[in-house]
Amino acid sequence: MEDAAPLDLVGVDPEAEKAYRHLLARGGGTVDDVVAALGVTYPEGLALLERLHRFGLVSRRTSGEFLTVDPRHALRALVESRERQLASVRDAAGSLGAIFDTAKRARNGGHGTLVISGPEAVGDRYYRLKQAARAEICCLDRPPFLLVPNAPIDEAAVGRGVRVRAVYAAASFVADGGWQELGSLVSRGEEARITPTLPIKLAMADRSAAMVSLSLAAGNTDCLYTESPPLLEALAELFERYWAAASPLAGTPGPGDPLPSPAGPMEKDRKPTDEERNLLALFAAGVKDEAIARQFGISSRTLRRRIQDLYAELGTSSRFGAGVAAARRDWV
């Protein structure tokens, strides 16, 4: 029966399937036919046919004969019935999860705060935290980074209408690829800002649960997970302070994309380009020229030329002066 349909997936056991296939090839039959074909006792044969009748695969006549029902209809009905059963199990996950959460809070003193250690446990909790978000995800991010596929998680969150806000420390863009990864996240809808330093790593979902790093040492993934309202309120305030002070990042270039040429002659009221905004944000965060050039995929010489063009546009000759002039123009 290598080509046999997996009828056991809808509750039809192998013996009942044998009886069904025997009847299907003949259009129907009696208990005696099944007994003779399968070598079972009369009560066993009757039980097999009764099961097939309950499944809706055969109909029963008053004469005692069982007729097969078109499997294209009967099996579809069985599959739909099983789908409804599985859907009810899925729907029960919410109420069962609430029981789990209540028990977990009771084990942890009722405030849902615990320390999580180990990359697998931390990664699993981090993934579930972001998956559970329905309104907002807030992050403070800096090295060392947790080996979790952030981009697909955040993209899925944005796709279901979740607002994703992240503040990155300047050190996030020292290693190769950081700028391109951020550009990928921003293109998917993340709102990103940059600041010189961050004291912790934080991920918070809907202001109802959060994870906070307990160590910034490389290789140490220990973190605090909390659902405590007072602690969440304090963490939310900390995030908002850094968010307000950080420099916004606009759409970022892709891998190897050079910064475009300046927008043209100086225009008093023109808005800055995305690249000008990003350069000013990176300046404010203290990212060095070499790191900026490496992230943008251009030479240091090309970057210096772009910076000089920006300085000329703003009428200054230094990073500090560029920041002051940009603020006066409401560019930052």
C-alpha atoms as a PDB file:
ATOM      1  CA  MET A   1       0.000   0.000   0.000  1.00  0.00           C
ATOM      2  CA  GLU A   2       2.789   2.415  -0.895  1.00  0.00           C
ATOM      3  CA  ASP A   3       0.294   4.620  -2.736  1.00  0.00           C
ATOM      4  CA  ALA A   4      -2.218   4.463   0.094  1.00  0.00           C
ATOM      5  CA  ALA A   5      -3.689   7.735   1.307  1.00  0.00           C
ATOM      6  CA  PRO A   6      -2.714   8.513   4.904  1.00  0.00           C
ATOM      7  CA  LEU A   7      -6.272   8.077   6.136  1.00  0.00           C
ATOM      8  CA  ASP A   8      -5.032   7.556   9.679  1.00  0.00           C
ATOM      9  CA  LEU A   9      -4.388  11.337   9.714  1.00  0.00           C
ATOM     10  CA  VAL A  10      -8.162  11.839   9.752  1.00  0.00           C
ATOM     11  CA  GLY A  11      -8.815   9.039  12.234  1.00  0.00           C
ATOM     12  CA  VAL A  12      -9.299   6.037   9.933  1.00  0.00           C
ATOM     13  CA  ASP A  13      -7.145   3.234  11.334  1.00  0.00           C
ATOM     14  CA  PRO A  14      -5.272   0.850   8.962  1.00  0.00           C
ATOM     15  CA  GLU A  15      -7.700  -2.081   9.454  1.00  0.00           C
ATOM     16  CA  ALA A  16     -10.698   0.134   8.719  1.00  0.00           C
ATOM     17  CA  GLU A  17      -8.897   1.487   5.667  1.00  0.00           C
ATOM     18  CA  LYS A  18      -8.344  -2.059   4.370  1.00  0.00           C
ATOM     19  CA  ALA A  19     -12.048  -2.744   4.711  1.00  0.00           C
ATOM     20  CA  TYR A  20     -12.868   0.572   3.047  1.00  0.00           C
ATOM     21  CA  ARG A  21     -10.594  -0.131   0.075  1.00  0.00           C
ATOM     22  CA  HIS A  22     -12.123  -3.592  -0.339  1.00  0.00           C
ATOM     23  CA  LEU A  23     -15.625  -2.118  -0.421  1.00  0.00           C
ATOM     24  CA  LEU A  24     -14.555   0.815  -2.592  1.00  0.00           C
ATOM     25  CA  ALA A  25     -13.306  -1.531  -5.343  1.00  0.00           C
ATOM     26  CA  ARG A  26     -16.695  -3.286  -5.355  1.00  0.00           C
ATOM     27  CA  GLY A  27     -19.032  -0.389  -4.682  1.00  0.00           C
ATOM     28  CA  GLY A  28     -20.074  -1.901  -1.376  1.00  0.00           C
ATOM     29  CA  GLY A  29     -20.605  -5.181   0.403  1.00  0.00           C
ATOM     30  CA  THR A  30     -21.759  -6.939   3.533  1.00  0.00           C
ATOM     31  CA  VAL A  31     -20.178  -7.959   6.808  1.00  0.00           C
ATOM     32  CA  ASP A  32     -19.705 -11.456   5.376  1.00  0.00           C
ATOM     33  CA  ASP A  33     -17.751  -9.985   2.426  1.00  0.00           C
ATOM     34  CA  VAL A  34     -15.380  -8.168   4.807  1.00  0.00           C
ATOM     35  CA  VAL A  35     -14.987 -11.271   6.992  1.00  0.00           C
ATOM     36  CA  ALA A  36     -14.047 -13.380   3.977  1.00  0.00           C
ATOM     37  CA  ALA A  37     -11.708 -10.762   2.463  1.00  0.00           C
ATOM     38  CA  LEU A  38      -9.831  -9.787   5.605  1.00  0.00           C
ATOM     39  CA  GLY A  39      -9.951 -13.014   7.603  1.00  0.00           C
ATOM     40  CA  VAL A  40     -11.538 -11.419  10.655  1.00  0.00           C
ATOM     41  CA  THR A  41     -14.385 -12.584  12.869  1.00  0.00           C
ATOM     42  CA  TYR A  42     -17.939 -11.464  12.263  1.00  0.00           C
ATOM     43  CA  PRO A  43     -17.991  -9.065  15.263  1.00  0.00           C
ATOM     44  CA  GLU A  44     -14.664  -7.594  14.087  1.00  0.00           C
ATOM     45  CA  GLY A  45     -15.948  -7.143  10.534  1.00  0.00           C
ATOM     46  CA  LEU A  46     -19.147  -5.514  11.804  1.00  0.00           C
ATOM     47  CA  ALA A  47     -17.114  -3.158  14.001  1.00  0.00           C
ATOM     48  CA  LEU A  48     -14.965  -2.124  11.013  1.00  0.00           C
ATOM     49  CA  LEU A  49     -18.040  -1.308   8.926  1.00  0.00           C
ATOM     50  CA  GLU A  50     -19.630   0.570  11.806  1.00  0.00           C
ATOM     51  CA  ARG A  51     -16.494   2.734  12.077  1.00  0.00           C
ATOM     52  CA  LEU A  52     -16.563   3.452   8.350  1.00  0.00           C
ATOM     53  CA  HIS A  53     -20.227   4.385   8.689  1.00  0.00           C
ATOM     54  CA  ARG A  54     -19.443   6.840  11.500  1.00  0.00           C
ATOM     55  CA  PHE A  55     -16.725   8.380   9.338  1.00  0.00           C
ATOM     56  CA  GLY A  56     -19.291   8.914   6.557  1.00  0.00           C
ATOM     57  CA  LEU A  57     -17.341   6.728   4.123  1.00  0.00           C
ATOM     58  CA  VAL A  58     -20.173   4.206   3.662  1.00  0.00           C
ATOM     59  CA  SER A  59     -23.961   4.296   3.915  1.00  0.00           C
ATOM     60  CA  ARG A  60     -26.013   1.471   5.410  1.00  0.00           C
ATOM     61  CA  ARG A  61     -29.101  -0.085   3.893  1.00  0.00           C
ATOM     62  CA  THR A  62     -31.860  -1.825   5.815  1.00  0.00           C
ATOM     63  CA  SER A  63     -30.855  -5.036   4.050  1.00  0.00           C
ATOM     64  CA  GLY A  64     -27.539  -4.940   5.907  1.00  0.00           C
ATOM     65  CA  GLU A  65     -25.493  -3.999   2.857  1.00  0.00           C
ATOM     66  CA  PHE A  66     -22.979  -1.143   3.103  1.00  0.00           C
ATOM     67  CA  LEU A  67     -22.523   1.112   0.045  1.00  0.00           C
ATOM     68  CA  THR A  68     -19.448   3.313  -0.439  1.00  0.00           C
ATOM     69  CA  VAL A  69     -19.814   7.107  -0.626  1.00  0.00           C
ATOM     70  CA  ASP A  70     -17.866   9.081  -3.259  1.00  0.00           C
ATOM     71  CA  PRO A  71     -14.481   9.599  -1.517  1.00  0.00           C
ATOM     72  CA  ARG A  72     -14.063  13.018  -3.141  1.00  0.00           C
ATOM     73  CA  HIS A  73     -16.910  14.213  -0.957  1.00  0.00           C
ATOM     74  CA  ALA A  74     -16.566  11.912   2.051  1.00  0.00           C
ATOM     75  CA  LEU A  75     -12.839  12.486   2.578  1.00  0.00           C
ATOM     76  CA  ARG A  76     -13.164  16.235   2.080  1.00  0.00           C
ATOM     77  CA  ALA A  77     -15.774  16.280   4.832  1.00  0.00           C
ATOM     78  CA  LEU A  78     -13.435  14.283   7.094  1.00  0.00           C
ATOM     79  CA  VAL A  79     -10.561  16.694   6.441  1.00  0.00           C
ATOM     80  CA  GLU A  80     -12.751  19.716   7.133  1.00  0.00           C
ATOM     81  CA  SER A  81     -13.945  18.149  10.371  1.00  0.00           C
ATOM     82  CA  ARG A  82     -10.357  17.517  11.464  1.00  0.00           C
ATOM     83  CA  GLU A  83      -9.407  21.100  10.536  1.00  0.00           C
ATOM     84  CA  ARG A  84     -12.190  22.406  12.770  1.00  0.00           C
ATOM     85  CA  GLN A  85     -10.931  20.232  15.608  1.00  0.00           C
ATOM     86  CA  LEU A  86      -7.355  21.484  15.150  1.00  0.00           C
ATOM     87  CA  ALA A  87      -8.590  25.080  14.994  1.00  0.00           C
ATOM     88  CA  SER A  88     -10.328  24.626  18.348  1.00  0.00           C
ATOM     89  CA  VAL A  89      -7.043  23.343  19.789  1.00  0.00           C
ATOM     90  CA  ARG A  90      -5.230  26.383  18.384  1.00  0.00           C
ATOM     91  CA  ASP A  91      -7.867  28.706  19.837  1.00  0.00           C
ATOM     92  CA  ALA A  92      -7.357  27.110  23.239  1.00  0.00           C
ATOM     93  CA  ALA A  93      -3.695  28.171  23.226  1.00  0.00           C
ATOM     94  CA  GLY A  94      -4.602  31.645  24.491  1.00  0.00           C
ATOM     95  CA  SER A  95      -6.477  30.477  27.586  1.00  0.00           C
ATOM     96  CA  LEU A  96      -3.910  27.761  28.303  1.00  0.00           C
ATOM     97  CA  GLY A  97      -1.139  30.347  27.904  1.00  0.00           C
ATOM     98  CA  ALA A  98      -2.867  32.570  30.459  1.00  0.00           C
ATOM     99  CA  ILE A  99      -2.826  29.665  32.945  1.00  0.00           C
ATOM    100  CA  PHE A 100       0.866  29.140  32.190  1.00  0.00           C
ATOM    101  CA  ASP A 101       1.622  32.841  32.737  1.00  0.00           C
ATOM    102  CA  THR A 102      -0.296  32.899  36.013  1.00  0.00           C
ATOM    103  CA  ALA A 103       1.619  29.897  37.308  1.00  0.00           C
ATOM    104  CA  LYS A 104       4.914  31.412  36.143  1.00  0.00           C
ATOM    105  CA  ARG A 105       4.211  34.664  37.963  1.00  0.00           C
ATOM    106  CA  ALA A 106       3.300  32.733  41.091  1.00  0.00           C
ATOM    107  CA  ARG A 107       6.606  30.823  40.949  1.00  0.00           C
ATOM    108  CA  ASN A 108       8.484  34.113  40.648  1.00  0.00           C
ATOM    109  CA  GLY A 109       6.832  35.971  43.503  1.00  0.00           C
ATOM    110  CA  GLY A 110       3.876  37.190  41.450  1.00  0.00           C
ATOM    111  CA  HIS A 111       5.725  39.907  39.517  1.00  0.00           C
ATOM    112  CA  GLY A 112       6.924  37.902  36.487  1.00  0.00           C
ATOM    113  CA  THR A 113      10.599  38.842  36.769  1.00  0.00           C
ATOM    114  CA  LEU A 114      13.387  36.321  36.290  1.00  0.00           C
ATOM    115  CA  VAL A 115      16.993  35.991  35.156  1.00  0.00           C
ATOM    116  CA  ILE A 116      17.619  34.070  31.935  1.00  0.00           C
ATOM    117  CA  SER A 117      21.024  32.605  31.094  1.00  0.00           C
ATOM    118  CA  GLY A 118      22.480  30.866  28.071  1.00  0.00           C
ATOM    119  CA  PRO A 119      22.239  31.872  24.396  1.00  0.00           C
ATOM    120  CA  GLU A 120      19.500  29.370  23.513  1.00  0.00           C
ATOM    121  CA  ALA A 121      17.207  30.305  26.409  1.00  0.00           C
ATOM    122  CA  VAL A 122      17.822  34.026  25.898  1.00  0.00           C
ATOM    123  CA  GLY A 123      17.336  33.765  22.133  1.00  0.00           C
ATOM    124  CA  ASP A 124      14.091  31.832  22.532  1.00  0.00           C
ATOM    125  CA  ARG A 125      12.705  34.355  25.014  1.00  0.00           C
ATOM    126  CA  TYR A 126      13.811  37.271  22.796  1.00  0.00           C
ATOM    127  CA  TYR A 127      12.102  35.723  19.779  1.00  0.00           C
ATOM    128  CA  ARG A 128       8.862  35.108  21.690  1.00  0.00           C
ATOM    129  CA  LEU A 129       8.940  38.632  23.153  1.00  0.00           C
ATOM    130  CA  LYS A 130       8.979  40.201  19.702  1.00  0.00           C
ATOM    131  CA  GLN A 131       6.502  37.708  18.261  1.00  0.00           C
ATOM    132  CA  ALA A 132       4.010  38.605  21.007  1.00  0.00           C
ATOM    133  CA  ALA A 133       4.128  42.349  20.262  1.00  0.00           C
ATOM    134  CA  ARG A 134       0.887  43.780  18.888  1.00  0.00           C
ATOM    135  CA  ALA A 135       1.400  47.561  19.097  1.00  0.00           C
ATOM    136  CA  GLU A 136       5.044  48.543  19.626  1.00  0.00           C
ATOM    137  CA  ILE A 137       8.579  47.213  19.977  1.00  0.00           C
ATOM    138  CA  CYS A 138      11.207  49.494  21.556  1.00  0.00           C
ATOM    139  CA  CYS A 139      14.914  48.615  21.533  1.00  0.00           C
ATOM    140  CA  LEU A 140      18.208  50.004  22.770  1.00  0.00           C
ATOM    141  CA  ASP A 141      20.885  48.122  20.857  1.00  0.00           C
ATOM    142  CA  ARG A 142      24.660  47.985  21.031  1.00  0.00           C
ATOM    143  CA  PRO A 143      27.442  45.394  20.849  1.00  0.00           C
ATOM    144  CA  PRO A 144      27.936  42.611  21.725  1.00  0.00           C
ATOM    145  CA  PHE A 145      24.994  41.447  19.619  1.00  0.00           C
ATOM    146  CA  LEU A 146      22.784  38.487  20.354  1.00  0.00           C
ATOM    147  CA  LEU A 147      22.826  35.910  17.576  1.00  0.00           C
ATOM    148  CA  VAL A 148      19.130  36.160  16.760  1.00  0.00           C
ATOM    149  CA  PRO A 149      17.648  36.776  13.281  1.00  0.00           C
ATOM    150  CA  ASN A 150      16.303  40.250  14.099  1.00  0.00           C
ATOM    151  CA  ALA A 151      15.440  41.351  10.562  1.00  0.00           C
ATOM    152  CA  PRO A 152      12.782  38.681   9.813  1.00  0.00           C
ATOM    153  CA  ILE A 153      11.234  39.152  13.258  1.00  0.00           C
ATOM    154  CA  ASP A 154      11.034  42.929  12.919  1.00  0.00           C
ATOM    155  CA  GLU A 155       9.809  42.710   9.329  1.00  0.00           C
ATOM    156  CA  ALA A 156       6.998  40.379  10.405  1.00  0.00           C
ATOM    157  CA  ALA A 157       6.130  42.722  13.275  1.00  0.00           C
ATOM    158  CA  VAL A 158       5.938  45.751  10.968  1.00  0.00           C
ATOM    159  CA  GLY A 159       3.854  43.684   8.571  1.00  0.00           C
ATOM    160  CA  ARG A 160       1.203  43.124  11.226  1.00  0.00           C
ATOM    161  CA  GLY A 161       1.090  46.822  12.119  1.00  0.00           C
ATOM    162  CA  VAL A 162       3.591  46.944  14.986  1.00  0.00           C
ATOM    163  CA  ARG A 163       5.630  50.137  15.354  1.00  0.00           C
ATOM    164  CA  VAL A 164       9.327  49.260  15.711  1.00  0.00           C
ATOM    165  CA  ARG A 165      11.623  51.916  17.214  1.00  0.00           C
ATOM    166  CA  ALA A 166      15.327  51.339  17.858  1.00  0.00           C
ATOM    167  CA  VAL A 167      18.186  53.451  19.192  1.00  0.00           C
ATOM    168  CA  TYR A 168      21.651  52.227  18.180  1.00  0.00           C
ATOM    169  CA  ALA A 169      24.961  53.024  19.813  1.00  0.00           C
ATOM    170  CA  ALA A 170      27.681  54.335  17.498  1.00  0.00           C
ATOM    171  CA  ALA A 171      29.665  51.143  18.129  1.00  0.00           C
ATOM    172  CA  SER A 172      26.973  49.257  16.190  1.00  0.00           C
ATOM    173  CA  PHE A 173      28.494  50.578  12.973  1.00  0.00           C
ATOM    174  CA  VAL A 174      32.152  49.817  13.603  1.00  0.00           C
ATOM    175  CA  ALA A 175      32.000  46.246  12.270  1.00  0.00           C
ATOM    176  CA  ASP A 176      31.486  45.638   8.556  1.00  0.00           C
ATOM    177  CA  GLY A 177      27.875  45.164   7.485  1.00  0.00           C
ATOM    178  CA  GLY A 178      26.220  47.074  10.301  1.00  0.00           C
ATOM    179  CA  TRP A 179      25.106  49.946   8.092  1.00  0.00           C
ATOM    180  CA  GLN A 180      23.700  47.655   5.395  1.00  0.00           C
ATOM    181  CA  GLU A 181      21.820  45.595   7.986  1.00  0.00           C
ATOM    182  CA  LEU A 182      20.329  48.748   9.448  1.00  0.00           C
ATOM    183  CA  GLY A 183      19.392  49.939   5.959  1.00  0.00           C
ATOM    184  CA  SER A 184      17.561  46.657   5.428  1.00  0.00           C
ATOM    185  CA  LEU A 185      15.644  47.107   8.672  1.00  0.00           C
ATOM    186  CA  VAL A 186      14.783  50.754   7.936  1.00  0.00           C
ATOM    187  CA  SER A 187      13.546  49.825   4.467  1.00  0.00           C
ATOM    188  CA  ARG A 188      11.167  47.357   6.137  1.00  0.00           C
ATOM    189  CA  GLY A 189       9.654  50.067   8.328  1.00  0.00           C
ATOM    190  CA  GLU A 190      11.856  50.304  11.402  1.00  0.00           C
ATOM    191  CA  GLU A 191      12.357  53.791  12.859  1.00  0.00           C
ATOM    192  CA  ALA A 192      16.044  54.098  13.751  1.00  0.00           C
ATOM    193  CA  ARG A 193      18.125  56.632  15.655  1.00  0.00           C
ATOM    194  CA  ILE A 194      21.774  56.748  16.695  1.00  0.00           C
ATOM    195  CA  THR A 195      23.487  57.932  19.872  1.00  0.00           C
ATOM    196  CA  PRO A 196      27.135  57.944  21.008  1.00  0.00           C
ATOM    197  CA  THR A 197      26.746  55.307  23.744  1.00  0.00           C
ATOM    198  CA  LEU A 198      24.148  53.172  25.496  1.00  0.00           C
ATOM    199  CA  PRO A 199      24.452  51.767  29.039  1.00  0.00           C
ATOM    200  CA  ILE A 200      22.312  48.667  28.440  1.00  0.00           C
ATOM    201  CA  LYS A 201      20.667  46.536  25.787  1.00  0.00           C
ATOM    202  CA  LEU A 202      16.871  46.606  25.961  1.00  0.00           C
ATOM    203  CA  ALA A 203      13.969  45.042  24.085  1.00  0.00           C
ATOM    204  CA  MET A 204      10.422  45.895  25.171  1.00  0.00           C
ATOM    205  CA  ALA A 205       7.104  44.763  23.688  1.00  0.00           C
ATOM    206  CA  ASP A 206       3.899  46.751  24.188  1.00  0.00           C
ATOM    207  CA  ARG A 207       5.299  48.037  27.492  1.00  0.00           C
ATOM    208  CA  SER A 208       4.038  44.798  29.009  1.00  0.00           C
ATOM    209  CA  ALA A 209       7.259  42.745  28.903  1.00  0.00           C
ATOM    210  CA  ALA A 210      10.933  43.556  28.512  1.00  0.00           C
ATOM    211  CA  MET A 211      14.412  42.041  28.409  1.00  0.00           C
ATOM    212  CA  VAL A 212      17.427  43.926  29.764  1.00  0.00           C
ATOM    213  CA  SER A 213      21.080  42.917  29.521  1.00  0.00           C
ATOM    214  CA  LEU A 214      22.768  42.151  32.823  1.00  0.00           C
ATOM    215  CA  SER A 215      26.265  42.207  31.340  1.00  0.00           C
ATOM    216  CA  LEU A 216      27.925  43.831  28.348  1.00  0.00           C
ATOM    217  CA  ALA A 217      30.867  41.425  28.362  1.00  0.00           C
ATOM    218  CA  ALA A 218      31.399  39.493  25.135  1.00  0.00           C
ATOM    219  CA  GLY A 219      29.983  35.998  25.416  1.00  0.00           C
ATOM    220  CA  ASN A 220      27.772  36.806  28.416  1.00  0.00           C
ATOM    221  CA  THR A 221      24.095  36.645  27.422  1.00  0.00           C
ATOM    222  CA  ASP A 222      22.569  36.868  30.927  1.00  0.00           C
ATOM    223  CA  CYS A 223      19.522  39.101  30.949  1.00  0.00           C
ATOM    224  CA  LEU A 224      16.572  40.095  33.087  1.00  0.00           C
ATOM    225  CA  TYR A 225      13.069  39.360  31.797  1.00  0.00           C
ATOM    226  CA  THR A 226      10.300  41.310  33.478  1.00  0.00           C
ATOM    227  CA  GLU A 227       6.572  41.930  33.382  1.00  0.00           C
ATOM    228  CA  SER A 228       6.672  44.081  36.512  1.00  0.00           C
ATOM    229  CA  PRO A 229       4.674  47.305  35.869  1.00  0.00           C
ATOM    230  CA  PRO A 230       6.931  49.617  37.947  1.00  0.00           C
ATOM    231  CA  LEU A 231      10.087  48.277  36.287  1.00  0.00           C
ATOM    232  CA  LEU A 232       8.500  48.484  32.828  1.00  0.00           C
ATOM    233  CA  GLU A 233       7.523  52.088  33.484  1.00  0.00           C
ATOM    234  CA  ALA A 234      11.115  52.944  34.426  1.00  0.00           C
ATOM    235  CA  LEU A 235      12.500  51.153  31.346  1.00  0.00           C
ATOM    236  CA  ALA A 236       9.991  52.918  29.088  1.00  0.00           C
ATOM    237  CA  GLU A 237      11.057  56.287  30.488  1.00  0.00           C
ATOM    238  CA  LEU A 238      14.724  55.380  29.945  1.00  0.00           C
ATOM    239  CA  PHE A 239      14.021  54.425  26.348  1.00  0.00           C
ATOM    240  CA  GLU A 240      12.073  57.617  25.640  1.00  0.00           C
ATOM    241  CA  ARG A 241      14.919  59.746  27.031  1.00  0.00           C
ATOM    242  CA  TYR A 242      17.440  58.133  24.711  1.00  0.00           C
ATOM    243  CA  TRP A 243      14.988  58.228  21.805  1.00  0.00           C
ATOM    244  CA  ALA A 244      14.419  61.975  22.247  1.00  0.00           C
ATOM    245  CA  ALA A 245      18.157  62.725  22.449  1.00  0.00           C
ATOM    246  CA  ALA A 246      19.291  60.433  19.614  1.00  0.00           C
ATOM    247  CA  SER A 247      19.763  61.563  16.013  1.00  0.00           C
ATOM    248  CA  PRO A 248      17.243  60.181  13.498  1.00  0.00           C
ATOM    249  CA  LEU A 249      18.478  58.065  10.599  1.00  0.00           C
ATOM    250  CA  ALA A 250      16.799  58.262   7.225  1.00  0.00           C
ATOM    251  CA  GLY A 251      16.728  55.572   4.518  1.00  0.00           C
ATOM    252  CA  THR A 252      20.222  54.108   4.313  1.00  0.00           C
ATOM    253  CA  PRO A 253      22.193  53.114   1.212  1.00  0.00           C
ATOM    254  CA  GLY A 254      22.484  49.497   0.184  1.00  0.00           C
ATOM    255  CA  PRO A 255      25.740  47.511   0.146  1.00  0.00           C
ATOM    256  CA  GLY A 256      28.332  49.307  -1.962  1.00  0.00           C
ATOM    257  CA  ASP A 257      26.038  52.208  -2.840  1.00  0.00           C
ATOM    258  CA  PRO A 258      28.088  55.427  -2.717  1.00  0.00           C
ATOM    259  CA  LEU A 259      26.734  58.602  -1.248  1.00  0.00           C
ATOM    260  CA  PRO A 260      25.169  60.682  -4.012  1.00  0.00           C
ATOM    261  CA  SER A 261      26.546  64.026  -5.042  1.00  0.00           C
ATOM    262  CA  PRO A 262      25.354  67.097  -3.132  1.00  0.00           C
ATOM    263  CA  ALA A 263      21.882  68.305  -3.937  1.00  0.00           C
ATOM    264  CA  GLY A 264      23.188  71.284  -5.901  1.00  0.00           C
ATOM    265  CA  PRO A 265      23.714  74.983  -5.285  1.00  0.00           C
ATOM    266  CA  MET A 266      22.869  76.211  -1.825  1.00  0.00           C
ATOM    267  CA  GLU A 267      19.164  76.702  -1.360  1.00  0.00           C
ATOM    268  CA  LYS A 268      18.148  78.563   1.751  1.00  0.00           C
ATOM    269  CA  ASP A 269      15.012  76.617   2.558  1.00  0.00           C
ATOM    270  CA  ARG A 270      15.761  73.244   1.002  1.00  0.00           C
ATOM    271  CA  LYS A 271      15.439  70.081   3.063  1.00  0.00           C
ATOM    272  CA  PRO A 272      18.462  67.847   3.647  1.00  0.00           C
ATOM    273  CA  THR A 273      18.861  64.656   1.669  1.00  0.00           C
ATOM    274  CA  ASP A 274      18.675  61.351   3.498  1.00  0.00           C
ATOM    275  CA  GLU A 275      22.419  60.976   3.154  1.00  0.00           C
ATOM    276  CA  GLU A 276      23.044  64.408   4.661  1.00  0.00           C
ATOM    277  CA  ARG A 277      20.780  63.542   7.591  1.00  0.00           C
ATOM    278  CA  ASN A 278      22.632  60.279   8.125  1.00  0.00           C
ATOM    279  CA  LEU A 279      26.051  61.912   7.957  1.00  0.00           C
ATOM    280  CA  LEU A 280      24.986  64.478  10.554  1.00  0.00           C
ATOM    281  CA  ALA A 281      23.553  61.704  12.753  1.00  0.00           C
ATOM    282  CA  LEU A 282      26.773  59.705  12.535  1.00  0.00           C
ATOM    283  CA  PHE A 283      28.810  62.845  13.276  1.00  0.00           C
ATOM    284  CA  ALA A 284      26.694  63.515  16.363  1.00  0.00           C
ATOM    285  CA  ALA A 285      27.182  59.948  17.555  1.00  0.00           C
ATOM    286  CA  GLY A 286      30.944  60.254  17.225  1.00  0.00           C
ATOM    287  CA  VAL A 287      31.413  57.591  14.526  1.00  0.00           C
ATOM    288  CA  LYS A 288      34.858  58.022  12.973  1.00  0.00           C
ATOM    289  CA  ASP A 289      35.353  58.827   9.286  1.00  0.00           C
ATOM    290  CA  GLU A 290      37.019  55.477   8.580  1.00  0.00           C
ATOM    291  CA  ALA A 291      34.071  53.556   9.995  1.00  0.00           C
ATOM    292  CA  ILE A 292      31.571  55.685   8.043  1.00  0.00           C
ATOM    293  CA  ALA A 293      33.447  55.136   4.775  1.00  0.00           C
ATOM    294  CA  ARG A 294      33.629  51.391   5.388  1.00  0.00           C
ATOM    295  CA  GLN A 295      29.917  51.155   6.111  1.00  0.00           C
ATOM    296  CA  PHE A 296      28.977  53.189   3.027  1.00  0.00           C
ATOM    297  CA  GLY A 297      31.318  51.123   0.863  1.00  0.00           C
ATOM    298  CA  ILE A 298      33.279  54.130  -0.393  1.00  0.00           C
ATOM    299  CA  SER A 299      36.876  55.240  -0.068  1.00  0.00           C
ATOM    300  CA  SER A 300      38.004  57.574   2.705  1.00  0.00           C
ATOM    301  CA  ARG A 301      38.940  60.097   0.024  1.00  0.00           C
ATOM    302  CA  THR A 302      35.426  60.066  -1.447  1.00  0.00           C
ATOM    303  CA  LEU A 303      33.919  60.410   2.006  1.00  0.00           C
ATOM    304  CA  ARG A 304      36.175  63.394   2.809  1.00  0.00           C
ATOM    305  CA  ARG A 305      35.019  65.080  -0.391  1.00  0.00           C
ATOM    306  CA  ARG A 306      31.363  64.485   0.555  1.00  0.00           C
ATOM    307  CA  ILE A 307      32.009  65.845   4.043  1.00  0.00           C
ATOM    308  CA  GLN A 308      33.672  68.969   2.642  1.00  0.00           C
ATOM    309  CA  ASP A 309      30.684  69.483   0.335  1.00  0.00           C
ATOM    310  CA  LEU A 310      28.383  69.203   3.363  1.00  0.00           C
ATOM    311  CA  TYR A 311      30.533  71.644   5.341  1.00  0.00           C
ATOM    312  CA  ALA A 312      30.421  74.106   2.441  1.00  0.00           C
ATOM    313  CA  GLU A 313      26.657  73.754   2.242  1.00  0.00           C
ATOM    314  CA  LEU A 314      26.357  74.523   5.959  1.00  0.00           C
ATOM    315  CA  GLY A 315      29.026  77.228   5.987  1.00  0.00           C
ATOM    316  CA  THR A 316      31.323  75.538   8.505  1.00  0.00           C
ATOM    317  CA  SER A 317      34.584  73.637   8.707  1.00  0.00           C
ATOM    318  CA  SER A 318      34.022  71.156  11.560  1.00  0.00           C
ATOM    319  CA  ARG A 319      31.679  68.481  12.789  1.00  0.00           C
ATOM    320  CA  PHE A 320      30.597  70.648  15.714  1.00  0.00           C
ATOM    321  CA  GLY A 321      29.906  73.593  13.442  1.00  0.00           C
ATOM    322  CA  ALA A 322      27.968  71.343  11.083  1.00  0.00           C
ATOM    323  CA  GLY A 323      25.783  70.215  13.975  1.00  0.00           C
ATOM    324  CA  VAL A 324      25.080  73.793  15.068  1.00  0.00           C
ATOM    325  CA  ALA A 325      24.316  74.964  11.522  1.00  0.00           C
ATOM    326  CA  ALA A 326      22.120  71.932  10.852  1.00  0.00           C
ATOM    327  CA  ALA A 327      20.147  72.603  14.032  1.00  0.00           C
ATOM    328  CA  ARG A 328      19.607  76.236  12.993  1.00  0.00           C
ATOM    329  CA  ARG A 329      18.226  75.004   9.663  1.00  0.00           C
ATOM    330  CA  ASP A 330      16.064  72.428  11.455  1.00  0.00           C
ATOM    331  CA  TRP A 331      17.901  69.628   9.653  1.00  0.00           C
ATOM    332  CA  VAL A 332      18.288  67.566  12.832  1.00  0.00           C
END
